[in-house]
Amino acid sequence: MKPDQRTYAAAVSYAQCSPSECFFTDDIERYVLAARSLNLS
């Protein structure tokens, strides 16, 4: 579950793209910060 980094890594893997090609949005700041720590846009 968010903000576990494995959740974001699994989503990037499923999308078959690099993290910088993914867009993440959420209304909870700690989830956004966790995604950014993995280079998600």
N, C-alpha and C. Protein backbone atom coordinates (compact mmCIF):
# COMPACT_ATOMS: atom_id res chain seq x y z
N MET A 1 0.83 -1.18 0.00
CA MET A 1 0.00 0.00 0.00
C MET A 1 0.88 1.25 0.00
N LYS A 2 0.35 2.31 -0.51
CA LYS A 2 1.06 3.57 -0.49
C LYS A 2 1.31 3.99 0.95
N PRO A 3 2.39 4.56 1.27
CA PRO A 3 3.50 5.02 0.46
C PRO A 3 4.66 4.03 0.36
N ASP A 4 4.42 2.75 0.53
CA ASP A 4 5.47 1.73 0.40
C ASP A 4 6.05 1.82 -1.01
N GLN A 5 7.36 1.95 -1.11
CA GLN A 5 8.01 2.13 -2.40
C GLN A 5 7.79 0.94 -3.33
N ARG A 6 7.55 -0.23 -2.77
CA ARG A 6 7.29 -1.40 -3.62
C ARG A 6 6.01 -1.22 -4.44
N THR A 7 5.06 -0.48 -3.91
CA THR A 7 3.82 -0.22 -4.63
C THR A 7 4.09 0.58 -5.89
N TYR A 8 4.88 1.63 -5.74
CA TYR A 8 5.21 2.48 -6.89
C TYR A 8 6.08 1.72 -7.89
N ALA A 9 7.04 0.95 -7.40
CA ALA A 9 7.91 0.16 -8.28
C ALA A 9 7.09 -0.86 -9.07
N ALA A 10 6.12 -1.47 -8.44
CA ALA A 10 5.26 -2.44 -9.14
C ALA A 10 4.45 -1.74 -10.23
N ALA A 11 3.95 -0.56 -9.95
CA ALA A 11 3.17 0.19 -10.95
C ALA A 11 4.03 0.56 -12.15
N VAL A 12 5.25 1.00 -11.89
CA VAL A 12 6.17 1.35 -12.99
C VAL A 12 6.49 0.11 -13.82
N SER A 13 6.74 -1.00 -13.15
CA SER A 13 7.03 -2.24 -13.85
C SER A 13 5.85 -2.66 -14.72
N TYR A 14 4.66 -2.57 -14.18
CA TYR A 14 3.45 -2.93 -14.91
C TYR A 14 3.26 -2.04 -16.14
N ALA A 15 3.60 -0.76 -16.00
CA ALA A 15 3.44 0.20 -17.10
C ALA A 15 4.52 0.01 -18.17
N GLN A 16 5.57 -0.72 -17.83
CA GLN A 16 6.68 -0.97 -18.75
C GLN A 16 7.29 0.33 -19.29
N CYS A 17 7.60 1.22 -18.37
CA CYS A 17 8.25 2.47 -18.73
C CYS A 17 9.20 2.86 -17.61
N SER A 18 9.94 3.92 -17.85
CA SER A 18 10.84 4.39 -16.79
C SER A 18 10.04 5.26 -15.82
N PRO A 19 10.49 5.38 -14.58
CA PRO A 19 9.76 6.20 -13.61
C PRO A 19 9.55 7.63 -14.09
N SER A 20 10.53 8.20 -14.78
CA SER A 20 10.40 9.59 -15.24
C SER A 20 9.32 9.75 -16.31
N GLU A 21 8.88 8.66 -16.91
CA GLU A 21 7.82 8.71 -17.91
C GLU A 21 6.43 8.58 -17.28
N CYS A 22 6.39 8.29 -16.00
CA CYS A 22 5.12 8.10 -15.30
C CYS A 22 4.69 9.38 -14.60
N PHE A 23 3.41 9.62 -14.59
CA PHE A 23 2.85 10.77 -13.89
C PHE A 23 2.06 10.26 -12.70
N PHE A 24 2.34 10.82 -11.54
CA PHE A 24 1.64 10.42 -10.33
C PHE A 24 0.98 11.64 -9.72
N THR A 25 -0.26 11.49 -9.34
CA THR A 25 -0.96 12.57 -8.66
C THR A 25 -1.76 11.98 -7.49
N ASP A 26 -1.84 12.74 -6.44
CA ASP A 26 -2.59 12.32 -5.26
C ASP A 26 -2.87 13.55 -4.42
N ASP A 27 -3.85 13.49 -3.56
CA ASP A 27 -4.14 14.63 -2.69
C ASP A 27 -3.46 14.50 -1.33
N ILE A 28 -2.69 13.44 -1.14
CA ILE A 28 -1.98 13.24 0.12
C ILE A 28 -0.48 13.46 -0.13
N GLU A 29 0.04 14.49 0.52
CA GLU A 29 1.41 14.92 0.25
C GLU A 29 2.44 13.81 0.46
N ARG A 30 2.30 13.01 1.50
CA ARG A 30 3.33 11.98 1.75
C ARG A 30 3.36 10.93 0.64
N TYR A 31 2.24 10.70 -0.03
CA TYR A 31 2.23 9.78 -1.17
C TYR A 31 2.96 10.39 -2.36
N VAL A 32 2.74 11.66 -2.57
CA VAL A 32 3.42 12.37 -3.66
C VAL A 32 4.92 12.40 -3.40
N LEU A 33 5.32 12.70 -2.19
CA LEU A 33 6.74 12.74 -1.85
C LEU A 33 7.38 11.37 -2.02
N ALA A 34 6.69 10.32 -1.65
CA ALA A 34 7.22 8.97 -1.83
C ALA A 34 7.40 8.65 -3.31
N ALA A 35 6.44 9.03 -4.12
CA ALA A 35 6.55 8.81 -5.58
C ALA A 35 7.71 9.60 -6.15
N ARG A 36 7.87 10.83 -5.74
CA ARG A 36 8.97 11.66 -6.23
C ARG A 36 10.32 11.08 -5.83
N SER A 37 10.40 10.43 -4.67
CA SER A 37 11.66 9.85 -4.24
C SER A 37 12.12 8.73 -5.17
N LEU A 38 11.18 8.19 -5.95
CA LEU A 38 11.49 7.17 -6.94
C LEU A 38 11.53 7.73 -8.36
N ASN A 39 11.59 9.05 -8.46
CA ASN A 39 11.69 9.76 -9.74
C ASN A 39 10.42 9.72 -10.59
N LEU A 40 9.29 9.45 -9.99
CA LEU A 40 8.04 9.59 -10.73
C LEU A 40 7.73 11.06 -10.85
N SER A 41 7.16 11.44 -11.98
CA SER A 41 6.84 12.85 -12.21
C SER A 41 5.55 13.24 -11.54
